[in-house]
């Protein structure tokens, strides 16, 4: 018998001063049995940091042909493709040929090795943005993970302040530069 997904309910008070965006986000997120808590937290963080009215979670790891998050236009076509983790560079290159914008929230213990091996393959993709999530920050969030998630997230001047359980964690995203051809 297959293991069921674990369901998390999240409420995020988002104050994105940089984008003049102030929202209360409600999300129900399913953690696939093969998905780590670290990846789940990274997906939820990517959702909050990229929030737009039409941004939606996809089937994620259970659907190989979908990203973790996407925005679809009125015609049903994907306009923004958002991945979390360390995907195959061919997957990102393919997505970039079909959508207007591709964002990777790169995270995981193997990030330095992934960068060394794959960044050269992604050169010249003008609609690809790669943002690195600090591993220590993710680890601290995982340590505070509960089935009912309540975050206060403030983004100002590129700094991220996330309050959970009365404690405020701080980080920034590393903008991983893709060298030109």
C-alpha atoms as a PDB file:
ATOM      1  CA  UNK A   1       0.000   0.000   0.000  1.00  0.00           C
ATOM      2  CA  UNK A   2       1.309   3.443  -0.935  1.00  0.00           C
ATOM      3  CA  UNK A   3       1.910   5.920   1.817  1.00  0.00           C
ATOM      4  CA  UNK A   4      -0.477   8.899   1.818  1.00  0.00           C
ATOM      5  CA  UNK A   5       0.635  12.487   1.452  1.00  0.00           C
ATOM      6  CA  UNK A   6       0.990  14.559   4.617  1.00  0.00           C
ATOM      7  CA  UNK A   7      -1.156  17.682   4.528  1.00  0.00           C
ATOM      8  CA  UNK A   8       0.046  21.028   5.890  1.00  0.00           C
ATOM      9  CA  UNK A   9      -2.071  24.144   6.210  1.00  0.00           C
ATOM     10  CA  UNK A  10      -0.247  27.429   6.026  1.00  0.00           C
ATOM     11  CA  UNK A  11      -1.163  30.994   6.817  1.00  0.00           C
ATOM     12  CA  UNK A  12       1.465  33.512   5.772  1.00  0.00           C
ATOM     13  CA  UNK A  13       1.260  37.205   6.596  1.00  0.00           C
ATOM     14  CA  UNK A  14       3.260  38.554   3.658  1.00  0.00           C
ATOM     15  CA  UNK A  15       4.731  42.053   3.742  1.00  0.00           C
ATOM     16  CA  UNK A  16       6.850  42.427   0.624  1.00  0.00           C
ATOM     17  CA  UNK A  17       7.986  46.025   0.972  1.00  0.00           C
ATOM     18  CA  UNK A  18      10.185  45.707  -2.138  1.00  0.00           C
ATOM     19  CA  UNK A  19       7.123  44.957  -4.315  1.00  0.00           C
ATOM     20  CA  UNK A  20       4.599  46.987  -2.261  1.00  0.00           C
ATOM     21  CA  UNK A  21       2.648  43.779  -1.715  1.00  0.00           C
ATOM     22  CA  UNK A  22       0.773  43.046   1.512  1.00  0.00           C
ATOM     23  CA  UNK A  23      -1.315  39.875   1.620  1.00  0.00           C
ATOM     24  CA  UNK A  24      -2.538  37.137   3.908  1.00  0.00           C
ATOM     25  CA  UNK A  25      -1.819  33.904   2.071  1.00  0.00           C
ATOM     26  CA  UNK A  26      -3.689  30.694   2.799  1.00  0.00           C
ATOM     27  CA  UNK A  27      -2.305  27.481   1.338  1.00  0.00           C
ATOM     28  CA  UNK A  28      -2.822  23.785   1.765  1.00  0.00           C
ATOM     29  CA  UNK A  29       0.335  21.921   0.813  1.00  0.00           C
ATOM     30  CA  UNK A  30       0.660  18.171   0.364  1.00  0.00           C
ATOM     31  CA  UNK A  31       3.998  16.577   1.192  1.00  0.00           C
ATOM     32  CA  UNK A  32       4.571  13.582  -1.075  1.00  0.00           C
ATOM     33  CA  UNK A  33       5.891  10.553   0.869  1.00  0.00           C
ATOM     34  CA  UNK A  34       9.222  10.829  -0.994  1.00  0.00           C
ATOM     35  CA  UNK A  35       9.568  14.555  -0.321  1.00  0.00           C
ATOM     36  CA  UNK A  36      11.749  15.803   2.527  1.00  0.00           C
ATOM     37  CA  UNK A  37      10.515  18.387   5.004  1.00  0.00           C
ATOM     38  CA  UNK A  38      13.322  20.639   3.780  1.00  0.00           C
ATOM     39  CA  UNK A  39      11.953  20.567   0.231  1.00  0.00           C
ATOM     40  CA  UNK A  40       8.405  21.166   1.479  1.00  0.00           C
ATOM     41  CA  UNK A  41       9.546  24.250   3.402  1.00  0.00           C
ATOM     42  CA  UNK A  42      11.511  25.466   0.361  1.00  0.00           C
ATOM     43  CA  UNK A  43       8.388  25.111  -1.829  1.00  0.00           C
ATOM     44  CA  UNK A  44       6.292  27.074   0.638  1.00  0.00           C
ATOM     45  CA  UNK A  45       8.964  29.759   0.894  1.00  0.00           C
ATOM     46  CA  UNK A  46       9.186  29.947  -2.924  1.00  0.00           C
ATOM     47  CA  UNK A  47       5.410  30.387  -3.023  1.00  0.00           C
ATOM     48  CA  UNK A  48       5.500  33.290  -0.597  1.00  0.00           C
ATOM     49  CA  UNK A  49       8.527  34.969  -2.192  1.00  0.00           C
ATOM     50  CA  UNK A  50       7.056  34.701  -5.704  1.00  0.00           C
ATOM     51  CA  UNK A  51       3.469  35.358  -4.761  1.00  0.00           C
ATOM     52  CA  UNK A  52       1.213  36.639  -7.498  1.00  0.00           C
ATOM     53  CA  UNK A  53      -2.596  36.308  -7.631  1.00  0.00           C
ATOM     54  CA  UNK A  54      -2.515  33.416 -10.147  1.00  0.00           C
ATOM     55  CA  UNK A  55       0.449  31.530  -8.631  1.00  0.00           C
ATOM     56  CA  UNK A  56      -0.476  27.929  -7.836  1.00  0.00           C
ATOM     57  CA  UNK A  57       1.091  24.767  -6.518  1.00  0.00           C
ATOM     58  CA  UNK A  58       1.173  21.910  -9.018  1.00  0.00           C
ATOM     59  CA  UNK A  59       1.228  18.169  -8.434  1.00  0.00           C
ATOM     60  CA  UNK A  60       4.969  18.652  -7.832  1.00  0.00           C
ATOM     61  CA  UNK A  61       7.120  15.543  -7.409  1.00  0.00           C
ATOM     62  CA  UNK A  62       4.223  13.293  -8.403  1.00  0.00           C
ATOM     63  CA  UNK A  63       4.065  14.879 -11.897  1.00  0.00           C
ATOM     64  CA  UNK A  64       7.356  14.815 -13.772  1.00  0.00           C
ATOM     65  CA  UNK A  65       6.180  17.256 -16.451  1.00  0.00           C
ATOM     66  CA  UNK A  66       5.148  20.018 -14.042  1.00  0.00           C
ATOM     67  CA  UNK A  67       7.183  22.470 -11.980  1.00  0.00           C
ATOM     68  CA  UNK A  68       6.615  23.010  -8.266  1.00  0.00           C
ATOM     69  CA  UNK A  69       4.676  26.232  -8.863  1.00  0.00           C
ATOM     70  CA  UNK A  70       3.349  27.989 -11.904  1.00  0.00           C
ATOM     71  CA  UNK A  71       1.364  30.909 -13.193  1.00  0.00           C
ATOM     72  CA  UNK A  72      -0.970  30.265 -16.096  1.00  0.00           C
ATOM     73  CA  UNK A  73      -2.340  32.942 -18.379  1.00  0.00           C
ATOM     74  CA  UNK A  74      -6.024  33.335 -19.325  1.00  0.00           C
ATOM     75  CA  UNK A  75      -5.490  30.950 -22.248  1.00  0.00           C
ATOM     76  CA  UNK A  76      -4.235  28.190 -19.921  1.00  0.00           C
ATOM     77  CA  UNK A  77      -0.625  28.427 -21.054  1.00  0.00           C
ATOM     78  CA  UNK A  78       2.101  28.527 -18.421  1.00  0.00           C
ATOM     79  CA  UNK A  79       3.696  31.980 -18.199  1.00  0.00           C
ATOM     80  CA  UNK A  80       5.926  31.451 -15.134  1.00  0.00           C
ATOM     81  CA  UNK A  81       7.593  28.131 -14.244  1.00  0.00           C
ATOM     82  CA  UNK A  82       9.058  27.848 -10.720  1.00  0.00           C
ATOM     83  CA  UNK A  83      11.266  24.963  -9.595  1.00  0.00           C
ATOM     84  CA  UNK A  84      12.656  24.209  -6.143  1.00  0.00           C
ATOM     85  CA  UNK A  85      15.742  22.137  -5.398  1.00  0.00           C
ATOM     86  CA  UNK A  86      18.460  21.070  -7.817  1.00  0.00           C
ATOM     87  CA  UNK A  87      16.772  19.953 -11.045  1.00  0.00           C
ATOM     88  CA  UNK A  88      18.448  18.672 -14.158  1.00  0.00           C
ATOM     89  CA  UNK A  89      19.651  21.646 -16.231  1.00  0.00           C
ATOM     90  CA  UNK A  90      17.960  20.225 -19.340  1.00  0.00           C
ATOM     91  CA  UNK A  91      14.622  20.525 -17.554  1.00  0.00           C
ATOM     92  CA  UNK A  92      15.230  24.234 -16.933  1.00  0.00           C
ATOM     93  CA  UNK A  93      16.456  24.813 -20.494  1.00  0.00           C
ATOM     94  CA  UNK A  94      13.386  23.087 -21.933  1.00  0.00           C
ATOM     95  CA  UNK A  95      11.029  25.071 -19.716  1.00  0.00           C
ATOM     96  CA  UNK A  96      12.735  28.328 -20.727  1.00  0.00           C
ATOM     97  CA  UNK A  97      11.935  27.617 -24.378  1.00  0.00           C
ATOM     98  CA  UNK A  98       8.222  27.298 -23.638  1.00  0.00           C
ATOM     99  CA  UNK A  99       7.421  29.900 -20.985  1.00  0.00           C
ATOM    100  CA  UNK A 100       8.115  33.570 -20.477  1.00  0.00           C
ATOM    101  CA  UNK A 101       9.913  33.246 -17.145  1.00  0.00           C
ATOM    102  CA  UNK A 102      11.662  30.416 -15.295  1.00  0.00           C
ATOM    103  CA  UNK A 103      12.745  30.747 -11.658  1.00  0.00           C
ATOM    104  CA  UNK A 104      14.792  28.223  -9.733  1.00  0.00           C
ATOM    105  CA  UNK A 105      14.935  28.427  -5.964  1.00  0.00           C
ATOM    106  CA  UNK A 106      18.097  26.375  -5.672  1.00  0.00           C
ATOM    107  CA  UNK A 107      18.401  24.544  -2.382  1.00  0.00           C
ATOM    108  CA  UNK A 108      20.014  21.480  -0.944  1.00  0.00           C
ATOM    109  CA  UNK A 109      23.269  20.313   0.574  1.00  0.00           C
ATOM    110  CA  UNK A 110      24.691  19.607  -2.902  1.00  0.00           C
ATOM    111  CA  UNK A 111      24.121  23.164  -4.190  1.00  0.00           C
ATOM    112  CA  UNK A 112      27.841  24.058  -4.552  1.00  0.00           C
ATOM    113  CA  UNK A 113      28.502  20.888  -6.554  1.00  0.00           C
ATOM    114  CA  UNK A 114      25.348  21.429  -8.651  1.00  0.00           C
ATOM    115  CA  UNK A 115      26.489  24.969  -9.493  1.00  0.00           C
ATOM    116  CA  UNK A 116      29.949  23.742 -10.479  1.00  0.00           C
ATOM    117  CA  UNK A 117      28.575  20.992 -12.709  1.00  0.00           C
ATOM    118  CA  UNK A 118      25.566  22.673 -14.297  1.00  0.00           C
ATOM    119  CA  UNK A 119      25.733  26.483 -14.416  1.00  0.00           C
ATOM    120  CA  UNK A 120      27.757  26.439 -17.634  1.00  0.00           C
ATOM    121  CA  UNK A 121      24.943  24.470 -19.321  1.00  0.00           C
ATOM    122  CA  UNK A 122      22.473  27.225 -18.427  1.00  0.00           C
ATOM    123  CA  UNK A 123      24.468  30.137 -19.849  1.00  0.00           C
ATOM    124  CA  UNK A 124      22.660  32.549 -22.085  1.00  0.00           C
ATOM    125  CA  UNK A 125      19.131  31.640 -20.981  1.00  0.00           C
ATOM    126  CA  UNK A 126      17.842  35.172 -20.589  1.00  0.00           C
ATOM    127  CA  UNK A 127      14.496  34.278 -18.988  1.00  0.00           C
ATOM    128  CA  UNK A 128      16.031  32.088 -16.234  1.00  0.00           C
ATOM    129  CA  UNK A 129      16.616  33.399 -12.716  1.00  0.00           C
ATOM    130  CA  UNK A 130      18.407  31.252 -10.142  1.00  0.00           C
ATOM    131  CA  UNK A 131      18.081  32.193  -6.483  1.00  0.00           C
ATOM    132  CA  UNK A 132      19.960  30.251  -3.817  1.00  0.00           C
ATOM    133  CA  UNK A 133      18.260  29.547  -0.492  1.00  0.00           C
ATOM    134  CA  UNK A 134      20.622  29.354   2.472  1.00  0.00           C
ATOM    135  CA  UNK A 135      20.794  25.788   3.791  1.00  0.00           C
ATOM    136  CA  UNK A 136      21.097  26.846   7.444  1.00  0.00           C
ATOM    137  CA  UNK A 137      17.965  28.968   7.100  1.00  0.00           C
ATOM    138  CA  UNK A 138      16.009  26.009   5.667  1.00  0.00           C
ATOM    139  CA  UNK A 139      17.269  23.710   8.402  1.00  0.00           C
ATOM    140  CA  UNK A 140      16.116  26.153  11.072  1.00  0.00           C
ATOM    141  CA  UNK A 141      12.669  26.390   9.420  1.00  0.00           C
ATOM    142  CA  UNK A 142      12.358  22.611   9.275  1.00  0.00           C
ATOM    143  CA  UNK A 143      13.114  22.496  12.997  1.00  0.00           C
ATOM    144  CA  UNK A 144      10.019  24.642  13.578  1.00  0.00           C
ATOM    145  CA  UNK A 145       7.723  22.864  11.120  1.00  0.00           C
ATOM    146  CA  UNK A 146       4.227  21.977  12.307  1.00  0.00           C
ATOM    147  CA  UNK A 147       1.199  20.704  10.425  1.00  0.00           C
ATOM    148  CA  UNK A 148      -0.429  24.103  10.951  1.00  0.00           C
ATOM    149  CA  UNK A 149       2.083  26.666   9.690  1.00  0.00           C
ATOM    150  CA  UNK A 150       1.886  30.318  10.723  1.00  0.00           C
ATOM    151  CA  UNK A 151       4.550  32.600   9.255  1.00  0.00           C
ATOM    152  CA  UNK A 152       4.980  36.365   9.266  1.00  0.00           C
ATOM    153  CA  UNK A 153       7.213  37.079   6.294  1.00  0.00           C
ATOM    154  CA  UNK A 154       8.709  40.490   5.596  1.00  0.00           C
ATOM    155  CA  UNK A 155      10.898  41.258   2.599  1.00  0.00           C
ATOM    156  CA  UNK A 156      12.674  44.600   2.514  1.00  0.00           C
ATOM    157  CA  UNK A 157      15.732  45.701   0.546  1.00  0.00           C
ATOM    158  CA  UNK A 158      16.355  42.076  -0.402  1.00  0.00           C
ATOM    159  CA  UNK A 159      16.436  40.882   3.218  1.00  0.00           C
ATOM    160  CA  UNK A 160      13.984  38.200   4.336  1.00  0.00           C
ATOM    161  CA  UNK A 161      12.653  38.196   7.889  1.00  0.00           C
ATOM    162  CA  UNK A 162      10.483  35.224   8.761  1.00  0.00           C
ATOM    163  CA  UNK A 163       8.835  35.046  12.172  1.00  0.00           C
ATOM    164  CA  UNK A 164       7.663  31.615  13.294  1.00  0.00           C
ATOM    165  CA  UNK A 165       6.782  30.617  16.829  1.00  0.00           C
ATOM    166  CA  UNK A 166       7.859  33.982  18.217  1.00  0.00           C
ATOM    167  CA  UNK A 167      11.363  33.743  16.732  1.00  0.00           C
ATOM    168  CA  UNK A 168      12.525  35.779  13.750  1.00  0.00           C
ATOM    169  CA  UNK A 169      14.879  34.159  11.273  1.00  0.00           C
ATOM    170  CA  UNK A 170      16.776  36.276   8.766  1.00  0.00           C
ATOM    171  CA  UNK A 171      18.326  35.500   5.404  1.00  0.00           C
ATOM    172  CA  UNK A 172      18.824  36.779   1.887  1.00  0.00           C
ATOM    173  CA  UNK A 173      18.574  34.920  -1.388  1.00  0.00           C
ATOM    174  CA  UNK A 174      21.778  34.518  -3.344  1.00  0.00           C
ATOM    175  CA  UNK A 175      21.268  35.691  -6.912  1.00  0.00           C
ATOM    176  CA  UNK A 176      23.293  33.061  -8.748  1.00  0.00           C
ATOM    177  CA  UNK A 177      24.733  34.758 -11.783  1.00  0.00           C
ATOM    178  CA  UNK A 178      24.725  32.963 -15.080  1.00  0.00           C
ATOM    179  CA  UNK A 179      27.809  33.891 -17.070  1.00  0.00           C
ATOM    180  CA  UNK A 180      27.119  35.053 -20.615  1.00  0.00           C
ATOM    181  CA  UNK A 181      28.196  33.006 -23.607  1.00  0.00           C
END
